Structure formats: structure tokens, C-alpha cells
Protein backbone atom coordinates (compact mmCIF):
# COMPACT_ATOMS: atom_id res chain seq x y z
CA MET A 1 66.27 -28.79 -24.19
CA LYS A 2 67.89 -29.29 -27.79
CA PRO A 3 67.73 -32.83 -29.71
CA TYR A 4 70.85 -33.44 -29.82
CA GLN A 5 73.60 -34.09 -27.40
CA THR A 6 77.46 -34.17 -27.52
CA LEU A 7 79.60 -36.50 -25.29
CA LEU A 8 83.48 -35.97 -24.59
CA TYR A 9 84.78 -39.04 -22.45
CA TYR A 10 87.58 -41.18 -21.48
CA LYS A 11 89.16 -43.35 -19.35
CA TYR A 12 92.45 -44.90 -19.02
CA THR A 13 91.82 -48.87 -17.56
CA HIS A 14 93.37 -51.75 -18.57
CA ILE A 15 91.52 -53.18 -21.38
CA PRO A 16 91.97 -57.06 -22.06
CA GLU A 17 92.12 -57.44 -25.73
CA ALA A 18 91.62 -54.16 -26.73
CA GLU A 19 91.09 -54.50 -30.37
CA GLU A 20 88.09 -57.12 -30.25
CA PHE A 21 86.23 -55.03 -27.82
CA ALA A 22 86.66 -52.20 -30.52
CA LYS A 23 85.05 -54.29 -33.27
CA GLN A 24 82.00 -55.46 -30.63
CA HIS A 25 82.13 -51.56 -30.00
CA LEU A 26 81.45 -50.74 -33.31
CA GLU A 27 78.83 -53.50 -33.56
CA PHE A 28 77.21 -51.53 -30.84
CA CYS A 29 77.62 -48.10 -32.13
CA GLU A 30 75.93 -48.71 -35.62
CA ARG A 31 72.98 -50.64 -34.22
CA LEU A 32 72.29 -47.57 -31.75
CA GLY A 33 72.85 -45.05 -34.91
CA ILE A 34 74.86 -42.28 -33.05
CA VAL A 35 77.36 -40.96 -34.91
CA GLY A 36 81.37 -39.96 -33.74
CA ARG A 37 85.28 -40.48 -33.08
CA ILE A 38 85.83 -43.23 -30.37
CA ILE A 39 89.56 -44.32 -29.87
CA VAL A 40 90.22 -47.87 -27.53
CA ALA A 41 93.39 -49.08 -26.80
CA ASP A 42 95.01 -51.71 -24.45
CA GLU A 43 95.16 -48.80 -21.93
CA GLY A 44 91.99 -47.29 -22.28
CA LEU A 45 88.98 -45.66 -23.79
CA ASN A 46 88.56 -42.03 -25.36
CA GLY A 47 85.46 -40.65 -27.30
CA THR A 48 83.52 -37.56 -29.24
CA ILE A 49 79.92 -38.88 -30.16
CA SER A 50 76.73 -37.36 -30.77
CA GLY A 51 73.22 -38.44 -31.21
CA THR A 52 69.08 -37.87 -29.99
CA VAL A 53 68.86 -37.97 -26.46
CA VAL A 54 67.56 -41.33 -26.14
CA GLN A 55 70.10 -42.66 -28.22
CA CYS A 56 73.01 -40.89 -25.68
CA LYS A 57 71.79 -41.72 -22.76
CA LYS A 58 71.26 -45.29 -24.00
CA TYR A 59 74.69 -45.31 -24.72
CA MET A 60 75.46 -43.74 -21.61
CA ASP A 61 74.11 -46.10 -19.72
CA HIS A 62 75.69 -48.88 -22.02
CA VAL A 63 79.15 -48.04 -21.50
CA LYS A 64 79.12 -47.66 -17.30
CA SER A 65 77.33 -50.98 -17.48
CA ASN A 66 81.18 -52.50 -17.64
CA SER A 67 82.63 -52.52 -14.81
CA LEU A 68 85.46 -50.70 -16.29
CA PHE A 69 83.95 -48.15 -17.05
CA GLY A 70 81.79 -47.40 -14.40
CA ASP A 71 83.15 -44.19 -12.93
CA VAL A 72 83.22 -42.36 -16.65
CA ASP A 73 83.05 -38.36 -16.73
CA PHE A 74 80.87 -37.91 -19.37
CA LYS A 75 81.08 -33.68 -20.51
CA MET A 76 77.63 -33.44 -22.08
CA ASP A 77 76.57 -30.62 -24.38
CA GLU A 78 73.13 -29.82 -26.40
CA VAL A 79 73.40 -29.20 -29.67
CA ASP A 80 70.91 -27.97 -32.32
CA VAL A 81 72.42 -31.22 -35.46
CA PRO A 82 74.67 -33.93 -34.62
CA SER A 83 77.83 -32.85 -34.31
CA PHE A 84 79.60 -35.29 -36.53
CA GLU A 85 78.56 -36.74 -39.95
CA ARG A 86 79.99 -40.32 -39.58
CA LEU A 87 80.74 -43.13 -36.92
CA TYR A 88 84.65 -43.96 -36.39
CA VAL A 89 85.54 -46.42 -33.81
CA ARG A 90 89.44 -47.49 -34.25
CA TYR A 91 91.44 -49.04 -32.20
CA LYS A 92 94.77 -47.96 -31.81
CA PRO A 93 98.04 -48.00 -29.92
CA GLU A 94 96.79 -45.43 -27.08
CA ILE A 95 93.62 -43.51 -26.87
CA VAL A 96 95.97 -40.21 -27.39
CA HIS A 97 99.31 -39.89 -29.01
CA SER A 98 101.19 -38.71 -26.98
CA SER A 99 104.86 -40.21 -28.10
CA LEU A 100 105.60 -41.09 -24.50
CA ARG A 101 105.65 -44.94 -24.85
CA GLY A 102 109.11 -44.50 -26.24
CA ILE A 103 110.00 -42.25 -23.60
CA GLN A 104 108.92 -42.49 -20.01
CA ASN A 105 105.41 -45.19 -20.42
CA ILE A 106 103.11 -42.92 -17.97
CA ASP A 107 100.41 -45.01 -16.89
CA PRO A 108 97.92 -42.14 -15.67
CA ASN A 109 96.53 -44.60 -12.94
CA GLU A 110 99.78 -44.34 -10.92
CA THR A 111 101.27 -41.18 -12.10
CA THR A 112 99.52 -38.28 -12.25
CA GLY A 113 99.06 -34.01 -11.91
CA ALA A 114 96.50 -34.27 -8.41
CA HIS A 115 93.15 -33.33 -10.20
CA LEU A 116 91.94 -30.00 -9.36
CA LYS A 117 87.76 -29.74 -9.52
CA PRO A 118 86.95 -26.14 -11.38
CA HIS A 119 85.87 -24.04 -8.13
CA GLU A 120 89.79 -25.32 -6.86
CA VAL A 121 90.86 -24.04 -9.76
CA LEU A 122 89.03 -20.55 -10.24
CA GLU A 123 90.53 -20.06 -5.88
CA MET A 124 93.96 -20.83 -7.24
CA MET A 125 93.80 -18.25 -9.90
CA GLU A 126 94.78 -15.18 -8.10
CA ASP A 127 98.18 -17.28 -6.71
CA GLU A 128 101.34 -16.03 -7.78
CA ASP A 129 103.09 -18.91 -7.65
CA VAL A 130 100.48 -20.39 -9.87
CA VAL A 131 101.29 -21.35 -13.49
CA PHE A 132 98.97 -22.45 -16.59
CA LEU A 133 100.34 -25.12 -19.00
CA ASP A 134 98.33 -25.08 -21.87
CA VAL A 135 98.98 -28.53 -23.28
CA ARG A 136 97.14 -28.47 -26.81
CA SER A 137 98.43 -27.90 -29.86
CA ASN A 138 99.55 -24.29 -31.41
CA TYR A 139 96.18 -24.01 -33.78
CA GLU A 140 94.11 -25.06 -30.21
CA SER A 141 95.52 -22.42 -28.19
CA ASN A 142 95.97 -19.91 -30.49
CA VAL A 143 92.08 -19.35 -30.62
CA GLY A 144 91.56 -19.54 -26.97
CA ARG A 145 93.64 -20.46 -23.49
CA PHE A 146 93.35 -19.14 -20.47
CA LYS A 147 94.25 -15.20 -19.04
CA ASN A 148 97.61 -15.80 -18.97
CA ALA A 149 98.98 -19.36 -19.33
CA VAL A 150 102.32 -20.59 -20.45
CA ALA A 151 101.07 -22.03 -24.47
CA LEU A 152 103.48 -24.05 -26.07
CA ASP A 153 104.56 -24.04 -29.66
CA ILE A 154 103.76 -27.49 -30.99
CA ASP A 155 101.97 -28.54 -34.05
CA ASN A 156 100.35 -31.94 -32.09
CA PHE A 157 100.39 -33.05 -28.41
CA ARG A 158 103.05 -35.81 -29.15
CA ASP A 159 105.44 -32.94 -29.26
CA PHE A 160 105.19 -32.14 -25.34
CA PRO A 161 108.15 -34.12 -24.20
CA GLU A 162 110.16 -32.09 -26.37
CA LYS A 163 109.35 -28.30 -24.57
CA LEU A 164 110.88 -30.10 -21.33
CA LYS A 165 114.04 -27.67 -22.01
CA GLU A 166 111.51 -24.88 -22.58
CA ILE A 167 109.59 -24.77 -19.08
CA GLU A 168 113.14 -26.03 -16.56
CA ASN A 169 112.28 -22.81 -15.18
CA LEU A 170 108.66 -23.91 -13.96
CA LYS A 171 109.61 -26.80 -11.69
CA GLU A 172 109.39 -24.98 -7.97
CA LYS A 173 106.24 -23.30 -9.42
CA LYS A 174 102.44 -24.51 -9.33
CA VAL A 175 101.98 -26.02 -12.15
CA ILE A 176 98.26 -26.48 -13.20
CA THR A 177 97.92 -28.76 -16.53
CA TYR A 178 94.95 -27.79 -18.38
CA CYS A 179 93.40 -29.40 -22.40
CA THR A 180 90.14 -29.58 -23.51
CA GLY A 181 88.35 -32.34 -21.68
CA GLY A 182 91.68 -33.48 -19.53
CA ILE A 183 92.34 -37.03 -21.19
CA LYS A 184 96.00 -35.14 -22.63
CA CYS A 185 97.18 -33.71 -18.66
CA GLU A 186 96.51 -37.50 -17.47
CA LYS A 187 100.10 -38.12 -19.01
CA ALA A 188 101.35 -34.83 -19.41
CA SER A 189 101.14 -33.97 -15.54
CA GLY A 190 102.27 -37.68 -14.85
CA PHE A 191 105.49 -36.65 -17.08
CA LEU A 192 106.17 -33.59 -15.58
CA VAL A 193 106.06 -35.34 -11.78
CA GLU A 194 108.20 -37.92 -13.33
CA ASN A 195 111.33 -35.30 -14.43
CA GLY A 196 111.07 -33.33 -11.12
CA PHE A 197 108.24 -30.98 -11.17
CA LYS A 198 107.12 -30.33 -7.55
CA ASN A 199 103.76 -29.44 -7.74
CA VAL A 200 101.74 -30.69 -10.66
CA TYR A 201 98.09 -29.76 -11.13
CA GLN A 202 95.60 -30.56 -13.81
CA VAL A 203 92.19 -29.31 -14.15
CA GLU A 204 89.63 -32.05 -13.59
CA GLY A 205 87.69 -32.68 -17.35
CA GLY A 206 89.59 -30.00 -18.76
CA ILE A 207 88.35 -26.74 -20.38
CA VAL A 208 85.09 -27.46 -20.90
CA LYS A 209 83.92 -29.13 -17.28
CA TYR A 210 85.53 -26.14 -16.45
CA ALA A 211 83.35 -23.94 -18.42
CA LYS A 212 80.04 -25.89 -17.10
CA GLU A 213 80.78 -25.11 -13.70
CA THR A 214 82.40 -22.11 -13.51
CA GLY A 215 80.84 -19.45 -16.76
CA GLY A 216 84.88 -20.20 -17.96
CA LYS A 217 85.74 -16.57 -16.11
CA ASN A 218 89.25 -16.01 -17.32
CA PHE A 219 89.60 -18.51 -20.45
CA GLU A 220 90.37 -16.41 -22.99
CA GLY A 221 88.74 -16.57 -26.83
CA LYS A 222 87.15 -19.73 -27.76
CA LEU A 223 87.11 -23.36 -27.26
CA TYR A 224 88.86 -25.47 -30.28
CA VAL A 225 86.67 -28.87 -30.50
CA PHE A 226 87.52 -31.86 -32.94
CA ASP A 227 83.65 -32.05 -34.59
CA ASN A 228 81.99 -29.68 -36.93
CA ARG A 229 81.46 -27.18 -34.39
CA VAL A 230 85.23 -26.14 -34.50
CA VAL A 231 85.28 -23.84 -32.35
CA VAL A 232 82.90 -23.01 -29.70
CA ASP A 233 81.95 -20.37 -26.71
CA VAL A 234 83.59 -20.95 -23.05
CA ASN A 235 83.07 -17.61 -20.77
CA SER A 236 79.92 -16.49 -20.63
CA VAL A 237 81.38 -14.54 -17.02
CA ASN A 238 84.03 -12.26 -19.47
CA PRO A 239 84.63 -13.21 -23.11
CA ASN A 240 86.57 -11.91 -25.66
CA ILE A 241 88.55 -12.35 -28.83
CA ILE A 242 92.26 -13.30 -28.85
CA SER A 243 92.77 -14.27 -32.53
CA ALA A 244 92.60 -12.62 -36.00
CA CYS A 245 92.30 -13.45 -39.56
CA LYS A 246 95.63 -14.74 -41.29
CA ILE A 247 94.92 -12.58 -43.91
CA CYS A 248 93.54 -8.99 -42.99
CA GLY A 249 94.42 -9.56 -39.02
CA THR A 250 90.98 -8.48 -38.08
CA PRO A 251 89.36 -10.31 -34.54
CA SER A 252 88.23 -13.41 -35.75
CA ALA A 253 87.56 -16.79 -33.56
CA HIS A 254 86.48 -18.27 -37.03
CA MET A 255 88.56 -21.42 -37.65
CA VAL A 256 89.36 -23.21 -40.86
CA ASN A 257 91.57 -26.34 -42.95
CA CYS A 258 92.60 -24.59 -45.67
CA ALA A 259 90.82 -25.70 -48.57
CA ASN A 260 93.82 -26.96 -50.39
CA GLN A 261 94.12 -31.04 -49.09
CA GLU A 262 97.75 -31.21 -49.45
CA CYS A 263 98.35 -28.00 -47.32
CA ASN A 264 94.96 -28.48 -44.55
CA GLU A 265 96.95 -25.54 -42.16
CA HIS A 266 94.81 -24.76 -39.16
CA PHE A 267 94.41 -21.52 -39.28
CA VAL A 268 92.21 -18.31 -37.99
CA LEU A 269 90.09 -16.76 -41.29
CA CYS A 270 87.04 -13.89 -40.99
CA GLU A 271 83.96 -14.63 -43.04
CA ASP A 272 84.84 -11.42 -45.98
CA CYS A 273 88.33 -13.44 -46.22
CA GLY A 274 87.19 -16.92 -46.41
CA TRP A 275 85.03 -16.34 -49.39
CA LYS A 276 87.85 -14.29 -50.89
CA MET A 277 90.44 -16.68 -50.55
CA LYS A 278 88.30 -19.94 -51.38
CA GLY A 279 88.94 -21.03 -47.79
CA CYS A 280 92.30 -20.90 -48.59
CA CYS A 281 95.78 -20.27 -46.47
CA CYS A 282 97.53 -18.12 -49.77
CA GLU A 283 97.77 -17.63 -53.54
CA THR A 284 98.95 -20.06 -53.81
CA CYS A 285 96.86 -22.71 -52.35
CA MET A 286 94.06 -21.33 -54.37
CA GLN A 287 95.27 -21.97 -57.26
CA ALA A 288 96.17 -25.77 -55.84
CA PRO A 289 94.33 -28.87 -58.15
CA GLY A 290 93.65 -30.70 -55.26
CA ARG A 291 91.51 -27.55 -53.63
CA ARG A 292 88.07 -28.12 -52.01
CA VAL A 293 84.96 -26.64 -52.92
CA TYR A 294 84.71 -23.99 -49.49
CA ASP A 295 81.66 -24.02 -48.14
CA GLY A 296 82.21 -21.47 -45.58
CA THR A 297 83.22 -23.85 -42.61
CA GLY A 298 86.16 -24.71 -43.44
CA TYR A 299 85.10 -27.91 -41.75
CA TYR A 300 86.07 -31.22 -44.48
CA GLN A 301 84.75 -34.83 -43.61
CA ARG A 302 87.62 -37.08 -43.64
CA GLU A 303 87.04 -40.38 -45.47
CA THR A 304 85.48 -43.33 -44.07
CA ASN A 305 88.10 -45.62 -41.96
CA LEU A 306 86.13 -47.97 -39.59
CA THR A 307 87.37 -50.77 -37.44
């Protein structure tokens, strides 16, 4: 067993006085000594946290002791070091920014796609009438996605509704939506149901849970994660790399943010080009006054901004 754990979780449920809850939750997390990123909204809770095995156990017990979150599904990874450097707990309008509040107020507790267990996903993979729909951002799907999946070219999940016309031809298909941990699919699949799609499903627990229970079969490439690890292995059955260095085209899954903080583009950069380009995506960014020091990771910590 590794000394630290990283927990990924979410729960759609109405939180009374959610802004006050966020403040109290921050105080608890600070006392406990965990690090990570937690979003609180009236509609629920969404977080990725990291700490020692004991700290994570205490955190899970604390969350589940609240009747609102008794059935939260924690996805756990063992890690050698904490996956974050700081703690963020914020109150926001949504636990994942979808842009749907002003279009169709999707409540996953009322309207969402049918949940598929990982073994059910495996069983449906060979069905010719099944389409896997990646609802994540393009930089995530570019580094890893299910085999033959439809990956939308969106910069952020909030752009998902704008792509509805592009997938109208899938309305009569069995559409299986998927994302990292399941949270985006709750609303994305509900949005599809509300817009006339006949058979809509979602991978329960997302790619993370699917990988843990199936070995990640037929997930191509790596999984992009929103912490210091940046990308992680998913497929232990038939793994491969589908992404390539933006500079030289060499197969690589080394994801970085451009060292020029005014650019900050997410892209793939192999190790050799990383040092050659000083972590930048182009010559212009290499000369930018706001260029950060590249340390080989291409991951830059945000400034502290607590609730």
C-alpha cells in the first residue's frame, strides 16, 4: 500500500445554506490537513482530495456521516505523494460548469441517462448500434478516449450544448456518455434525453471506475486528471498511446500547460521538445515576458483562492 491516497467523488443533492456549508467544510479540511479541490453548490458537492490513508479515511467518514452524502461513491487511487499542493474549497453556482442553467435546468436527480456498471459497458462494446460519446474537453479526449468514440471538439464542458446539431444523427442510437469520474455525464446525458435522444446511458463512475473494475480494456491512450499527476494509466489490458508531441510528432502522452502564462494552452509535448522549447508551444511564447520556469512537468500551481 502506498502512503497517500487521492479521492475523486461527487454528489448531486440539494445542500441547504450551501455557502455556509462550504465555509464549514473548508475549516474541517484545514484541521484534517488534506489538500485538493472541492466545489460546493446548492445542487451538490464535487471534489478531488489527497492525503494520508488515515486522513482520507477520516474525510470519507466525515462526509458520509452527513445524511445528504451517505451514498457518495469515492473513487480511490494510491499515490506516492499527495496529488495537490494546496487546498481549495469554493462555493459556486454549479458543481461542474455546464452553461445549462440558462438553457435547460437539468437536475440529474430527475432526468439523466441510465447508469451502466463497468461490466455492462464491456458487454455493450461490440453492439454495432452503440456509440460512445466523450463529453470532456478536447485536450482530454486527445490524450485518451474509448476506442471509436465520438469526441467533440470543445474547449470546455460549458460548450457541450452548442454541439447538439453535430450529433443529431445519433438520436436513434444507443448513446453511452462518459467522462473522467461521471459528474459531467449526469447533466450531459440528461440534456440529450431532454432533446429527443431515445437510448441514453452513462458510464457509472466514469473512466476511473471503469478502469478499476475492467482493466480499462479498449480505452486508448491515457486519462487526463486535474491534479499534479496530469495524466495517468488506465488500460492494463491492451494499452497504447494515441497522442503525439505538438512540436515533433513523436508519440507521447506528456501533457503540459504552455509555460507562457498568458497562453497556458494544454498540449502534448515530449520530453526532448519540452526542454528545447522551455515548456512552450511556440517560439513566440518562448520569448514572452510572462514565461514561467519549466521544470519538466508542465504543471503550474494556481494561486491560492479559498472560500
